[in-house]
Amino acid sequence: MTIERSSAPSGGPLPRGIQHIGVTVPDLDAATRFLADGLGAKVAYDGLRPEDEPRSGPEVERQLGLPAGAEIRRQRMLVIGEGPGLEMFEVSGEQRPASGLSDLGLNHISLYCDDIDGSLARLVAAGGEALSEVHGNSRHEDTPGNGSVYVRAPWGMLIELQTIPGGHTYPADAEAEVWMPRPR
């Protein structure tokens, strides 16, 4: 399964990994409570506090691809277990509903769980909506004991809980292995 590469220049520097994922929420404090209660999220820092001036104007709109008149009112970086951070934004102005799996672009985050049933119960108790029961994963993630379930956050974002205690399987021509948390 070798990927066909374009004629783009090669040999230059490459990224080392995903550092964080950005999410826009309607209420930063409510989203923080949900993610802390449901997933054990911890606040790393607030990049934009309530007492700070909102980030706005033509230059911010250009830099961040915001619609005219939008303002970033609050910004917070969370950490959930291991892996990349989750940067949350509270933005005023025109907004669309959260995307779903069939929409183009980023559509969900997935979190690895040692106890998927317990993690699902906790996330639902915090205010999430399970879209189904825990079910088997897809090919390459379907080793013994695997499971997956999607949960909708109160603001509509999809969160996948996943467990793959037997690890992934890879085809002979795999170019890389998927990140997994360190064993406990």
Protein backbone atom coordinates (compact mmCIF):
# COMPACT_ATOMS: atom_id res chain seq x y z
CA MET A 1 0.00 0.00 0.00
CA THR A 2 2.60 2.53 -1.02
CA ILE A 3 1.24 6.04 -1.39
CA GLU A 4 1.77 7.70 -4.74
CA ARG A 5 3.60 10.93 -4.06
CA SER A 6 3.06 14.13 -6.01
CA SER A 7 5.84 16.00 -7.70
CA ALA A 8 6.11 18.30 -4.65
CA PRO A 9 9.65 18.95 -3.42
CA SER A 10 11.03 16.25 -1.16
CA GLY A 11 13.93 16.13 1.23
CA GLY A 12 12.77 19.11 3.29
CA PRO A 13 11.91 19.04 6.98
CA LEU A 14 8.88 17.03 8.08
CA PRO A 15 6.58 17.48 11.10
CA ARG A 16 7.32 15.35 14.15
CA GLY A 17 3.70 14.66 15.07
CA ILE A 18 0.29 16.07 15.93
CA GLN A 19 0.79 18.63 18.71
CA HIS A 20 -2.85 19.59 19.26
CA ILE A 21 -6.31 19.49 17.73
CA GLY A 22 -8.52 22.60 17.70
CA VAL A 23 -12.22 22.59 18.59
CA THR A 24 -14.71 25.46 18.69
CA VAL A 25 -17.31 25.24 21.47
CA PRO A 26 -20.26 27.48 22.35
CA ASP A 27 -19.30 27.78 26.05
CA LEU A 28 -15.66 27.20 27.06
CA ASP A 29 -16.37 26.57 30.75
CA ALA A 30 -19.25 24.16 30.08
CA ALA A 31 -17.14 22.27 27.51
CA THR A 32 -14.23 22.12 29.97
CA ARG A 33 -16.51 20.66 32.67
CA PHE A 34 -17.89 18.08 30.22
CA LEU A 35 -14.41 17.00 29.06
CA ALA A 36 -13.00 17.00 32.63
CA ASP A 37 -15.93 15.02 34.04
CA GLY A 38 -16.28 12.70 31.06
CA LEU A 39 -12.68 12.19 29.95
CA GLY A 40 -10.48 13.40 32.82
CA ALA A 41 -9.24 16.41 30.81
CA LYS A 42 -6.89 18.79 32.60
CA VAL A 43 -6.34 22.47 31.82
CA ALA A 44 -2.81 23.21 30.63
CA TYR A 45 -3.37 26.96 30.18
CA ASP A 46 -5.77 29.66 29.06
CA GLY A 47 -4.46 31.39 25.95
CA LEU A 48 -7.22 34.00 26.07
CA ARG A 49 -8.99 34.73 29.36
CA PRO A 50 -12.33 36.51 29.96
CA GLU A 51 -10.52 39.69 31.04
CA ASP A 52 -8.41 39.77 27.85
CA GLU A 53 -9.45 41.70 24.76
CA PRO A 54 -10.97 39.36 22.16
CA ARG A 55 -8.84 38.55 19.11
CA SER A 56 -10.58 40.13 16.16
CA GLY A 57 -10.22 42.32 13.13
CA PRO A 58 -9.16 41.90 9.51
CA GLU A 59 -5.67 40.58 10.32
CA VAL A 60 -6.97 37.90 12.72
CA GLU A 61 -9.70 37.01 10.22
CA ARG A 62 -7.05 36.61 7.50
CA GLN A 63 -4.61 34.65 9.68
CA LEU A 64 -7.19 32.21 11.04
CA GLY A 65 -9.74 32.06 8.22
CA LEU A 66 -12.52 33.58 10.33
CA PRO A 67 -15.61 35.19 8.80
CA ALA A 68 -15.83 38.99 8.92
CA GLY A 69 -16.79 40.26 12.36
CA ALA A 70 -15.97 37.05 14.26
CA GLU A 71 -14.12 37.39 17.57
CA ILE A 72 -12.17 34.78 19.51
CA ARG A 73 -13.38 35.49 23.02
CA ARG A 74 -11.67 32.66 24.91
CA GLN A 75 -9.05 30.03 24.21
CA ARG A 76 -7.92 27.09 26.40
CA MET A 77 -5.52 24.16 25.99
CA LEU A 78 -6.55 20.85 27.56
CA VAL A 79 -4.69 17.58 27.95
CA ILE A 80 -6.51 14.25 27.91
CA GLY A 81 -4.22 11.40 28.93
CA GLU A 82 -1.34 10.97 26.47
CA GLY A 83 -1.16 12.28 22.93
CA PRO A 84 -1.89 15.67 21.41
CA GLY A 85 -3.51 18.55 23.28
CA LEU A 86 -7.05 19.76 22.64
CA GLU A 87 -7.23 23.51 22.04
CA MET A 88 -10.70 24.94 22.54
CA PHE A 89 -11.99 28.25 21.18
CA GLU A 90 -15.09 30.22 22.11
CA VAL A 91 -15.86 32.37 19.07
CA SER A 92 -18.62 34.90 18.49
CA GLY A 93 -20.16 35.56 15.10
CA GLU A 94 -21.54 33.32 12.37
CA GLN A 95 -21.26 29.61 13.22
CA ARG A 96 -22.42 26.36 11.66
CA PRO A 97 -23.34 23.12 13.44
CA ALA A 98 -20.58 20.60 14.18
CA SER A 99 -19.63 18.39 11.25
CA GLY A 100 -20.43 14.71 11.11
CA LEU A 101 -18.58 11.72 9.78
CA SER A 102 -19.87 12.28 6.24
CA ASP A 103 -18.75 15.93 6.13
CA LEU A 104 -15.41 16.97 4.65
CA GLY A 105 -12.61 17.88 7.02
CA LEU A 106 -11.96 17.02 10.65
CA ASN A 107 -15.00 15.16 11.95
CA HIS A 108 -14.09 13.46 15.25
CA ILE A 109 -11.43 12.81 17.84
CA SER A 110 -10.70 9.29 19.06
CA LEU A 111 -9.53 8.45 22.56
CA TYR A 112 -7.95 5.16 23.58
CA CYS A 113 -9.58 3.53 26.64
CA ASP A 114 -8.41 0.61 28.76
CA ASP A 115 -12.01 0.19 30.08
CA ILE A 116 -14.29 1.26 27.24
CA ASP A 117 -17.55 0.41 29.03
CA GLY A 118 -16.54 2.42 32.10
CA SER A 119 -15.30 5.30 29.94
CA LEU A 120 -18.56 5.31 27.98
CA ALA A 121 -20.66 5.36 31.17
CA ARG A 122 -18.61 8.27 32.52
CA LEU A 123 -18.85 10.29 29.29
CA VAL A 124 -22.63 9.74 29.06
CA ALA A 125 -23.06 10.69 32.74
CA ALA A 126 -21.18 13.93 31.99
CA GLY A 127 -23.74 14.82 29.29
CA GLY A 128 -22.63 12.97 26.16
CA GLU A 129 -25.01 10.99 23.93
CA ALA A 130 -23.88 7.49 22.90
CA LEU A 131 -24.81 6.89 19.25
CA SER A 132 -24.80 3.09 19.73
CA GLU A 133 -23.52 0.37 21.99
CA VAL A 134 -19.82 -0.58 21.99
CA HIS A 135 -19.17 -2.52 18.77
CA GLY A 136 -16.27 -4.11 16.95
CA ASN A 137 -13.65 -2.05 15.15
CA SER A 138 -12.80 -2.15 11.48
CA ARG A 139 -10.09 -4.14 9.73
CA HIS A 140 -6.60 -3.73 11.21
CA GLU A 141 -8.20 -2.80 14.57
CA ASP A 142 -10.24 -5.99 14.96
CA THR A 143 -7.94 -7.96 17.26
CA PRO A 144 -9.44 -9.78 20.31
CA GLY A 145 -11.09 -7.53 22.91
CA ASN A 146 -11.41 -4.53 20.57
CA GLY A 147 -14.31 -2.10 20.72
CA SER A 148 -15.44 1.31 19.52
CA VAL A 149 -18.35 3.69 20.13
CA TYR A 150 -19.14 7.25 19.04
CA VAL A 151 -20.50 9.79 21.54
CA ARG A 152 -21.92 13.21 20.63
CA ALA A 153 -20.71 16.02 22.91
CA PRO A 154 -23.32 18.55 24.12
CA TRP A 155 -22.25 20.97 21.34
CA GLY A 156 -22.45 18.29 18.61
CA MET A 157 -18.80 17.24 18.17
CA LEU A 158 -18.18 13.50 17.71
CA ILE A 159 -15.90 11.71 20.19
CA GLU A 160 -14.90 8.12 19.51
CA LEU A 161 -13.93 5.87 22.40
CA GLN A 162 -11.80 2.95 21.27
CA THR A 163 -9.99 0.00 22.79
CA ILE A 164 -7.57 -2.27 20.95
CA PRO A 165 -5.87 -4.37 23.66
CA GLY A 166 -4.56 -6.83 21.08
CA GLY A 167 -3.00 -4.05 19.02
CA HIS A 168 -3.32 -3.36 15.32
CA THR A 169 -2.57 -5.69 12.44
CA TYR A 170 -0.65 -4.27 9.50
CA PRO A 171 -0.28 -5.29 5.86
CA ALA A 172 3.19 -6.27 4.70
CA ASP A 173 3.60 -2.95 2.85
CA ALA A 174 2.62 -0.67 5.78
CA GLU A 175 4.79 2.46 5.92
CA ALA A 176 4.18 3.20 9.62
CA GLU A 177 2.45 2.00 12.77
CA VAL A 178 -0.38 3.88 14.48
CA TRP A 179 0.34 5.59 17.83
CA MET A 180 -0.80 3.69 20.91
CA PRO A 181 -0.45 4.72 24.56
CA ARG A 182 2.40 3.32 26.58
CA PRO A 183 1.56 0.10 28.44
CA ARG A 184 0.58 0.60 32.09
